[in-house]
N, C-alpha and C. Protein backbone atom coordinates (compact mmCIF):
# COMPACT_ATOMS: atom_id res chain seq x y z
N MET A 1 4.10 21.09 -11.58
CA MET A 1 4.73 20.28 -10.04
C MET A 1 5.94 20.48 -10.80
N THR A 2 6.30 20.34 -9.72
CA THR A 2 8.07 20.17 -9.70
C THR A 2 8.60 18.68 -9.01
N CYS A 3 9.60 17.96 -10.38
CA CYS A 3 9.69 16.09 -9.74
C CYS A 3 11.14 16.56 -9.72
N LYS A 4 11.98 16.14 -8.36
CA LYS A 4 13.50 15.79 -8.07
C LYS A 4 13.89 14.53 -7.97
N THR A 5 14.68 14.03 -7.80
CA THR A 5 15.80 13.95 -7.89
C THR A 5 16.63 13.11 -7.03
N GLY A 6 16.78 11.97 -6.84
CA GLY A 6 17.92 11.74 -5.80
C GLY A 6 19.04 12.80 -5.93
N ILE A 7 19.75 13.17 -7.15
CA ILE A 7 20.86 13.39 -7.02
C ILE A 7 20.06 15.02 -7.23
N GLY A 8 18.87 15.09 -6.85
CA GLY A 8 18.95 17.03 -6.28
C GLY A 8 18.29 17.84 -8.46
N ARG A 9 18.26 17.09 -8.77
CA ARG A 9 18.51 18.09 -9.76
C ARG A 9 16.31 17.65 -10.21
N GLU A 10 16.28 18.73 -10.62
CA GLU A 10 14.41 19.40 -10.10
C GLU A 10 13.17 19.89 -12.06
N PHE A 11 12.78 18.67 -11.76
CA PHE A 11 12.99 19.24 -13.75
C PHE A 11 10.65 20.00 -13.68
N LYS A 12 10.18 20.61 -14.60
CA LYS A 12 9.24 21.19 -13.48
C LYS A 12 7.48 20.49 -15.21
N LEU A 13 6.92 20.03 -14.16
CA LEU A 13 5.92 19.65 -15.44
C LEU A 13 4.58 20.24 -14.97
N SER A 14 3.95 20.77 -16.71
CA SER A 14 2.69 21.15 -15.94
C SER A 14 1.73 20.37 -15.88
N CYS A 15 0.65 20.46 -14.81
CA CYS A 15 -1.01 19.52 -15.46
C CYS A 15 -1.92 20.26 -15.32
N HIS A 16 -3.01 18.92 -15.39
CA HIS A 16 -4.08 19.87 -15.50
C HIS A 16 -5.37 18.77 -14.81
N ALA A 17 -5.70 18.66 -13.79
CA ALA A 17 -6.41 17.88 -13.06
C ALA A 17 -7.53 17.44 -13.27
N VAL A 18 -8.65 16.66 -12.29
CA VAL A 18 -10.07 17.37 -12.12
C VAL A 18 -9.50 16.36 -10.35
N GLY A 19 -10.60 17.68 -9.29
CA GLY A 19 -10.23 17.22 -8.21
C GLY A 19 -11.24 16.25 -7.99
N VAL A 20 -10.59 15.37 -7.24
CA VAL A 20 -11.69 14.37 -6.48
C VAL A 20 -11.85 13.98 -4.57
N LEU A 21 -12.37 13.91 -4.38
CA LEU A 21 -12.78 14.03 -3.36
C LEU A 21 -13.44 12.64 -2.61
N PRO A 22 -12.34 11.75 -2.22
CA PRO A 22 -13.67 9.74 -2.02
C PRO A 22 -14.20 9.94 -0.96
N PRO A 23 -15.50 9.37 -0.79
CA PRO A 23 -15.96 9.40 0.50
C PRO A 23 -15.17 8.40 2.23
N LEU A 24 -14.37 7.80 1.61
CA LEU A 24 -13.38 7.09 2.40
C LEU A 24 -11.80 8.00 2.06
N SER A 25 -11.64 7.51 3.41
CA SER A 25 -10.08 8.37 3.53
C SER A 25 -9.84 7.46 4.19
N LEU A 26 -7.73 7.36 4.44
CA LEU A 26 -7.06 6.31 5.07
C LEU A 26 -6.71 7.50 5.99
N SER A 27 -6.09 6.60 7.33
CA SER A 27 -5.42 7.25 8.97
C SER A 27 -4.29 7.89 8.45
N HIS A 28 -3.41 6.81 7.62
CA HIS A 28 -1.80 7.46 7.35
C HIS A 28 -1.95 7.18 5.55
N SER A 29 -1.21 7.82 4.68
CA SER A 29 -0.90 8.39 3.84
C SER A 29 0.56 6.91 3.86
N LEU A 30 1.54 6.93 4.36
CA LEU A 30 2.35 5.78 4.55
C LEU A 30 2.41 5.85 5.85
N ILE A 31 2.60 4.64 4.87
CA ILE A 31 3.25 2.66 6.62
C ILE A 31 4.50 2.82 7.00
N GLN A 32 5.26 2.54 8.12
CA GLN A 32 6.13 2.79 8.23
C GLN A 32 5.94 1.33 8.73
N MET A 33 7.25 0.13 8.36
CA MET A 33 7.59 -0.96 9.24
C MET A 33 8.96 -0.95 9.66
N LYS A 34 8.67 -1.45 10.53
CA LYS A 34 10.44 -2.46 11.68
C LYS A 34 11.70 -2.43 10.04
N ALA A 35 12.70 -2.83 10.68
CA ALA A 35 13.47 -3.91 9.89
C ALA A 35 12.77 -5.15 10.33
N THR A 36 12.68 -6.21 8.85
CA THR A 36 12.18 -7.15 9.11
C THR A 36 13.18 -8.27 8.44
N ALA A 37 13.94 -8.53 9.69
CA ALA A 37 14.72 -10.28 9.62
C ALA A 37 14.07 -11.06 8.24
N LEU A 38 14.94 -11.59 7.17
CA LEU A 38 14.41 -12.70 6.45
C LEU A 38 13.92 -13.89 7.88
N GLY A 39 12.79 -13.97 7.06
CA GLY A 39 11.98 -15.07 8.25
C GLY A 39 11.08 -14.56 9.04
N ASP A 40 10.68 -13.30 8.86
CA ASP A 40 10.30 -12.76 10.43
C ASP A 40 8.97 -11.92 9.72
N ARG A 41 8.16 -11.35 10.72
CA ARG A 41 7.29 -10.94 9.88
C ARG A 41 7.16 -9.26 10.91
N SER A 42 6.25 -8.04 10.96
CA SER A 42 6.34 -6.90 11.12
C SER A 42 4.62 -6.84 10.82
N GLN A 43 4.07 -5.96 11.84
CA GLN A 43 2.63 -5.84 11.08
C GLN A 43 2.35 -3.66 11.85
N ALA A 44 0.98 -3.32 10.93
CA ALA A 44 1.27 -2.19 11.32
C ALA A 44 -0.18 -2.48 11.31
N HIS A 45 -1.10 -1.16 11.64
CA HIS A 45 -2.74 -1.20 11.90
C HIS A 45 -2.72 -0.20 10.34
N ILE A 46 -3.56 -0.09 9.98
CA ILE A 46 -4.46 0.98 9.72
C ILE A 46 -5.61 1.26 9.20
N ASP A 47 -6.69 2.98 9.46
CA ASP A 47 -7.97 2.85 9.09
C ASP A 47 -8.63 3.25 8.43
N VAL A 48 -9.18 2.74 7.69
CA VAL A 48 -10.18 3.36 6.52
C VAL A 48 -11.75 4.43 7.28
N ILE A 49 -11.64 5.49 7.16
CA ILE A 49 -12.26 6.20 7.76
C ILE A 49 -13.62 7.05 6.76
N ASN A 50 -15.15 6.50 6.71
CA ASN A 50 -16.42 7.90 6.34
C ASN A 50 -16.53 8.15 7.06
N SER A 51 -15.96 9.44 6.61
CA SER A 51 -16.54 10.92 7.58
C SER A 51 -18.37 11.38 6.27
N HIS A 52 -17.74 10.85 5.17
CA HIS A 52 -19.40 11.13 4.54
C HIS A 52 -21.02 11.17 5.25
N THR A 53 -21.08 11.90 6.37
CA THR A 53 -22.32 11.92 7.15
C THR A 53 -23.62 12.43 6.68
N SER A 54 -22.76 13.78 5.40
CA SER A 54 -24.29 14.99 5.38
C SER A 54 -23.49 15.34 3.93
N SER A 55 -24.55 15.02 3.23
CA SER A 55 -24.23 15.70 2.08
C SER A 55 -24.26 17.80 1.34
N ASN A 56 -25.20 18.59 2.89
CA ASN A 56 -24.41 19.46 2.84
C ASN A 56 -23.12 20.12 2.63
N GLU A 57 -22.80 20.48 1.44
CA GLU A 57 -21.69 21.30 1.08
C GLU A 57 -21.33 22.26 1.19
N PHE A 58 -21.84 23.41 1.91
CA PHE A 58 -21.65 24.40 2.69
C PHE A 58 -20.54 24.69 4.55
N THR A 59 -21.27 23.39 4.84
CA THR A 59 -21.05 23.41 5.98
C THR A 59 -19.55 22.26 5.95
N HIS A 60 -19.15 21.65 5.59
CA HIS A 60 -18.08 20.83 5.39
C HIS A 60 -17.49 20.42 3.57
N PRO A 61 -16.58 19.76 3.72
CA PRO A 61 -15.72 19.54 1.72
C PRO A 61 -17.08 18.06 2.12
N VAL A 62 -16.99 17.92 0.81
CA VAL A 62 -18.10 16.47 0.28
C VAL A 62 -17.30 15.72 -0.56
N PRO A 63 -18.13 14.62 -0.44
CA PRO A 63 -17.31 13.64 -1.92
C PRO A 63 -17.39 14.14 -3.37
N ARG A 64 -17.08 14.50 -3.90
CA ARG A 64 -17.87 14.75 -5.85
C ARG A 64 -16.12 14.51 -6.29
N ILE A 65 -16.90 14.08 -7.23
CA ILE A 65 -15.26 13.96 -9.00
C ILE A 65 -15.14 15.68 -9.03
N GLY A 66 -14.58 16.06 -9.13
CA GLY A 66 -14.84 17.99 -9.29
C GLY A 66 -16.17 18.26 -9.31
N THR A 67 -16.43 19.02 -9.94
CA THR A 67 -18.17 19.82 -9.92
C THR A 67 -19.19 19.39 -9.99
N GLY A 68 -18.79 17.48 -10.17
CA GLY A 68 -20.44 16.68 -10.41
C GLY A 68 -20.80 16.47 -9.26
N PRO A 69 -22.31 15.15 -9.25
CA PRO A 69 -22.41 15.56 -8.61
C PRO A 69 -22.69 14.37 -7.33
N ILE A 70 -23.19 15.23 -6.19
CA ILE A 70 -22.61 14.86 -4.43
C ILE A 70 -22.43 12.64 -3.92
N SER A 71 -22.02 12.91 -3.68
CA SER A 71 -21.86 11.14 -3.22
C SER A 71 -23.23 11.47 -2.29
N GLU A 72 -23.50 10.35 -2.16
CA GLU A 72 -24.86 10.11 -1.27
C GLU A 72 -24.19 9.30 0.05
N VAL A 73 -25.09 9.56 0.92
CA VAL A 73 -24.19 9.04 2.09
C VAL A 73 -24.80 8.02 2.30
N GLY A 74 -24.08 7.13 2.90
CA GLY A 74 -24.29 5.97 3.45
C GLY A 74 -23.35 4.77 3.69
N PRO A 75 -23.74 3.57 3.28
CA PRO A 75 -22.39 2.67 3.00
C PRO A 75 -21.26 2.45 2.26
N THR A 76 -20.26 2.98 2.49
CA THR A 76 -19.13 2.69 1.50
C THR A 76 -18.39 1.89 1.51
N SER A 77 -18.56 0.29 0.12
CA SER A 77 -16.80 -0.55 0.22
C SER A 77 -15.59 0.04 0.30
N PHE A 78 -14.84 -0.99 -0.30
CA PHE A 78 -13.81 -0.48 -0.26
C PHE A 78 -12.90 -2.04 -0.72
N GLU A 79 -11.78 -2.43 -1.52
CA GLU A 79 -10.80 -3.40 -1.37
C GLU A 79 -9.37 -2.63 -1.68
N PHE A 80 -8.80 -2.83 -1.19
CA PHE A 80 -6.47 -3.35 -0.87
C PHE A 80 -6.63 -4.52 -2.55
N ALA A 81 -6.44 -4.59 -3.32
CA ALA A 81 -6.01 -4.87 -4.27
C ALA A 81 -4.18 -4.85 -4.02
N VAL A 82 -2.98 -5.83 -3.29
CA VAL A 82 -2.17 -6.31 -3.71
C VAL A 82 -1.13 -6.85 -4.10
N PRO A 83 -0.83 -6.57 -5.54
CA PRO A 83 -0.08 -7.53 -6.27
C PRO A 83 0.06 -9.37 -5.52
N SER A 84 0.25 -9.84 -6.05
CA SER A 84 0.58 -11.40 -4.96
C SER A 84 2.19 -11.51 -5.48
N ASN A 85 3.19 -10.86 -6.17
CA ASN A 85 4.78 -11.39 -5.97
C ASN A 85 5.24 -10.13 -5.09
N THR A 86 3.99 -9.70 -4.23
CA THR A 86 4.85 -9.00 -3.04
C THR A 86 4.63 -9.73 -1.79
N PRO A 87 4.95 -8.74 -0.81
CA PRO A 87 5.34 -9.58 0.87
C PRO A 87 4.93 -9.40 1.43
N LEU A 88 3.33 -7.97 1.40
CA LEU A 88 2.36 -7.72 1.89
C LEU A 88 1.11 -8.11 2.02
N THR A 89 0.39 -8.56 2.90
CA THR A 89 -0.85 -8.83 2.77
C THR A 89 -1.28 -7.45 3.96
N ILE A 90 -2.90 -7.40 3.31
CA ILE A 90 -3.46 -6.55 3.77
C ILE A 90 -4.74 -7.08 4.52
N SER A 91 -5.83 -7.21 5.45
CA SER A 91 -6.35 -8.16 6.03
C SER A 91 -7.08 -7.58 6.95
N PRO A 92 -8.73 -6.67 6.51
CA PRO A 92 -9.30 -7.56 5.39
C PRO A 92 -9.15 -6.80 4.27
N ALA A 93 -8.24 -7.63 3.22
CA ALA A 93 -8.79 -6.68 1.61
C ALA A 93 -9.87 -5.88 1.47
N VAL A 94 -11.01 -6.59 1.95
CA VAL A 94 -12.24 -5.90 1.76
C VAL A 94 -13.43 -5.75 3.01
N GLY A 95 -14.86 -4.74 2.98
CA GLY A 95 -14.99 -4.91 3.42
C GLY A 95 -15.89 -2.79 2.81
N THR A 96 -16.65 -3.14 4.46
CA THR A 96 -18.14 -2.10 4.19
C THR A 96 -17.57 -1.02 5.63
N VAL A 97 -17.92 0.48 5.25
CA VAL A 97 -17.82 0.82 6.39
C VAL A 97 -18.87 2.27 5.92
N MET A 98 -19.42 1.98 7.95
CA MET A 98 -20.55 2.80 7.81
C MET A 98 -20.27 4.13 7.88
N PRO A 99 -21.45 5.16 7.79
CA PRO A 99 -20.49 6.93 7.30
C PRO A 99 -20.32 7.04 9.26
N GLY A 100 -20.01 8.40 9.14
CA GLY A 100 -18.68 8.10 10.74
C GLY A 100 -18.33 7.23 11.01
N GLN A 101 -18.32 6.24 11.06
CA GLN A 101 -17.61 4.77 11.35
C GLN A 101 -15.99 4.93 10.48
N VAL A 102 -15.22 4.31 11.45
CA VAL A 102 -13.67 3.55 10.61
C VAL A 102 -13.58 2.15 10.99
N GLY A 103 -13.23 1.65 9.74
CA GLY A 103 -12.57 0.52 9.74
C GLY A 103 -11.06 0.04 9.67
N ILE A 104 -10.41 -1.03 10.88
CA ILE A 104 -8.92 -1.77 11.49
C ILE A 104 -8.81 -2.49 10.74
N ASP A 105 -7.75 -1.81 9.23
CA ASP A 105 -7.05 -3.34 8.83
C ASP A 105 -5.89 -3.39 9.06
N LEU A 106 -5.42 -4.68 9.24
CA LEU A 106 -3.50 -5.25 10.02
C LEU A 106 -2.65 -5.16 8.42
N VAL A 107 -1.84 -4.50 8.15
CA VAL A 107 -0.97 -4.44 7.86
C VAL A 107 -0.21 -5.26 7.99
N ASP A 108 0.60 -6.77 7.22
CA ASP A 108 1.22 -7.51 7.30
C ASP A 108 2.05 -7.98 6.38
N TYR A 109 3.85 -7.72 6.64
CA TYR A 109 4.87 -7.88 5.85
C TYR A 109 5.80 -8.86 6.24
N GLY A 110 6.14 -9.87 5.72
CA GLY A 110 7.54 -11.21 6.35
C GLY A 110 7.78 -11.38 4.60
N ILE A 111 8.95 -11.20 4.34
CA ILE A 111 9.86 -11.81 3.43
C ILE A 111 10.65 -13.56 3.58
N THR A 112 9.56 -13.93 2.45
CA THR A 112 11.13 -15.30 2.72
C THR A 112 11.89 -15.18 1.57
N MET A 113 12.00 -16.40 1.30
CA MET A 113 13.40 -16.71 0.45
C MET A 113 13.52 -18.42 0.36
N SER A 114 13.54 -18.98 -0.47
CA SER A 114 14.05 -20.39 -0.60
C SER A 114 15.11 -20.77 -0.63
N LEU A 115 15.78 -21.58 0.17
CA LEU A 115 17.21 -22.42 -0.27
C LEU A 115 17.95 -21.81 -1.35
N VAL A 116 17.24 -21.96 -2.30
CA VAL A 116 17.94 -22.04 -3.81
C VAL A 116 18.31 -20.91 -3.60
N ASN A 117 17.42 -19.78 -3.96
CA ASN A 117 17.43 -18.27 -4.38
C ASN A 117 18.86 -17.63 -2.69
N MET A 118 18.63 -17.87 -1.98
CA MET A 118 19.48 -17.98 -0.41
C MET A 118 20.97 -18.32 -1.23
N CYS A 119 20.91 -19.48 -1.43
CA CYS A 119 22.55 -20.35 -1.56
C CYS A 119 22.63 -19.23 -2.74
N GLN A 120 21.52 -18.60 -4.03
CA GLN A 120 22.92 -17.94 -4.92
C GLN A 120 22.50 -17.00 -4.91
N ASN A 121 21.81 -15.73 -3.87
CA ASN A 121 22.17 -14.59 -3.96
C ASN A 121 23.68 -14.11 -2.66
N ILE A 122 23.58 -15.75 -1.74
CA ILE A 122 25.39 -15.67 -1.12
C ILE A 122 26.62 -15.99 -1.77
N LEU A 123 25.79 -16.94 -2.70
CA LEU A 123 27.47 -16.68 -4.35
C LEU A 123 27.32 -15.30 -4.29
N PHE A 124 26.53 -15.43 -5.68
CA PHE A 124 26.37 -14.35 -6.00
C PHE A 124 27.34 -12.87 -5.75
N PHE A 125 26.80 -12.66 -4.02
CA PHE A 125 28.22 -11.76 -3.94
C PHE A 125 28.94 -11.90 -3.01
N LEU A 126 29.77 -13.21 -3.43
CA LEU A 126 31.48 -13.96 -3.48
C LEU A 126 31.57 -13.43 -4.34
N GLU A 127 30.71 -13.52 -5.22
CA GLU A 127 31.42 -14.08 -6.54
C GLU A 127 32.04 -14.70 -7.01
N PHE A 128 31.01 -15.96 -6.69
CA PHE A 128 31.17 -17.38 -6.80
C PHE A 128 29.99 -17.25 -8.61
N GLU A 129 29.72 -17.04 -9.09
CA GLU A 129 28.54 -16.85 -9.91
C GLU A 129 28.25 -18.26 -11.09
N ASP A 130 29.62 -18.86 -11.33
CA ASP A 130 29.74 -20.10 -11.90
C ASP A 130 29.58 -20.85 -11.49
N TYR A 131 29.09 -21.27 -9.78
CA TYR A 131 29.38 -22.26 -8.87
C TYR A 131 27.87 -22.25 -9.42
N ASN A 132 27.39 -24.06 -9.30
CA ASN A 132 26.35 -24.61 -9.52
C ASN A 132 25.19 -25.02 -8.02
N CYS A 133 23.77 -23.86 -7.91
CA CYS A 133 23.94 -23.91 -6.54
C CYS A 133 22.09 -25.02 -6.75
N TRP A 134 22.00 -25.29 -7.49
CA TRP A 134 20.61 -26.45 -8.28
C TRP A 134 20.84 -27.62 -7.63
N GLU A 135 21.76 -28.20 -7.20
CA GLU A 135 22.36 -29.62 -6.02
C GLU A 135 21.02 -29.28 -4.66
N PHE A 136 20.95 -28.31 -4.08
CA PHE A 136 20.29 -27.86 -3.41
C PHE A 136 18.72 -27.69 -3.20
N GLU A 137 18.68 -27.40 -4.45
CA GLU A 137 17.12 -28.13 -4.81
C GLU A 137 16.07 -29.09 -4.16
N ASN A 138 16.86 -30.47 -3.31
CA ASN A 138 16.44 -31.03 -3.09
C ASN A 138 16.07 -31.33 -1.27
N LEU A 139 16.71 -30.15 -0.75
CA LEU A 139 16.54 -29.72 0.44
C LEU A 139 16.18 -29.51 1.02
N GLU A 140 14.61 -28.28 0.34
CA GLU A 140 13.67 -28.08 0.56
C GLU A 140 11.64 -28.79 0.41
């Protein structure tokens, strides 16, 4: 594998891995959200797809880990674990998708900032870091 930095340097890494084909897949590997102003929200949809409808490994790829046993055909559950300190929510975060079916999830992004943090950031960029912003705490 070749890793490339932001300044164009390349590093070659040797890898050893076990292939995994999960029974569920996502409609997108990248979710692009529009530019979102502070206090506003952006939304996008992502599909959770259960394409595992047959255990016949000779007609199509089947879900398995390495050369292990083929996953059973049936309902498959998922869970999105979004860190609590991010402005991102996915709903539903937990669900089950039947074989051959698609589950639709909503990805919501919205960033907010407290008045104190906003004041501190403004003063930082204006180079008045020594100014005391704590008097604004009572406004919230």
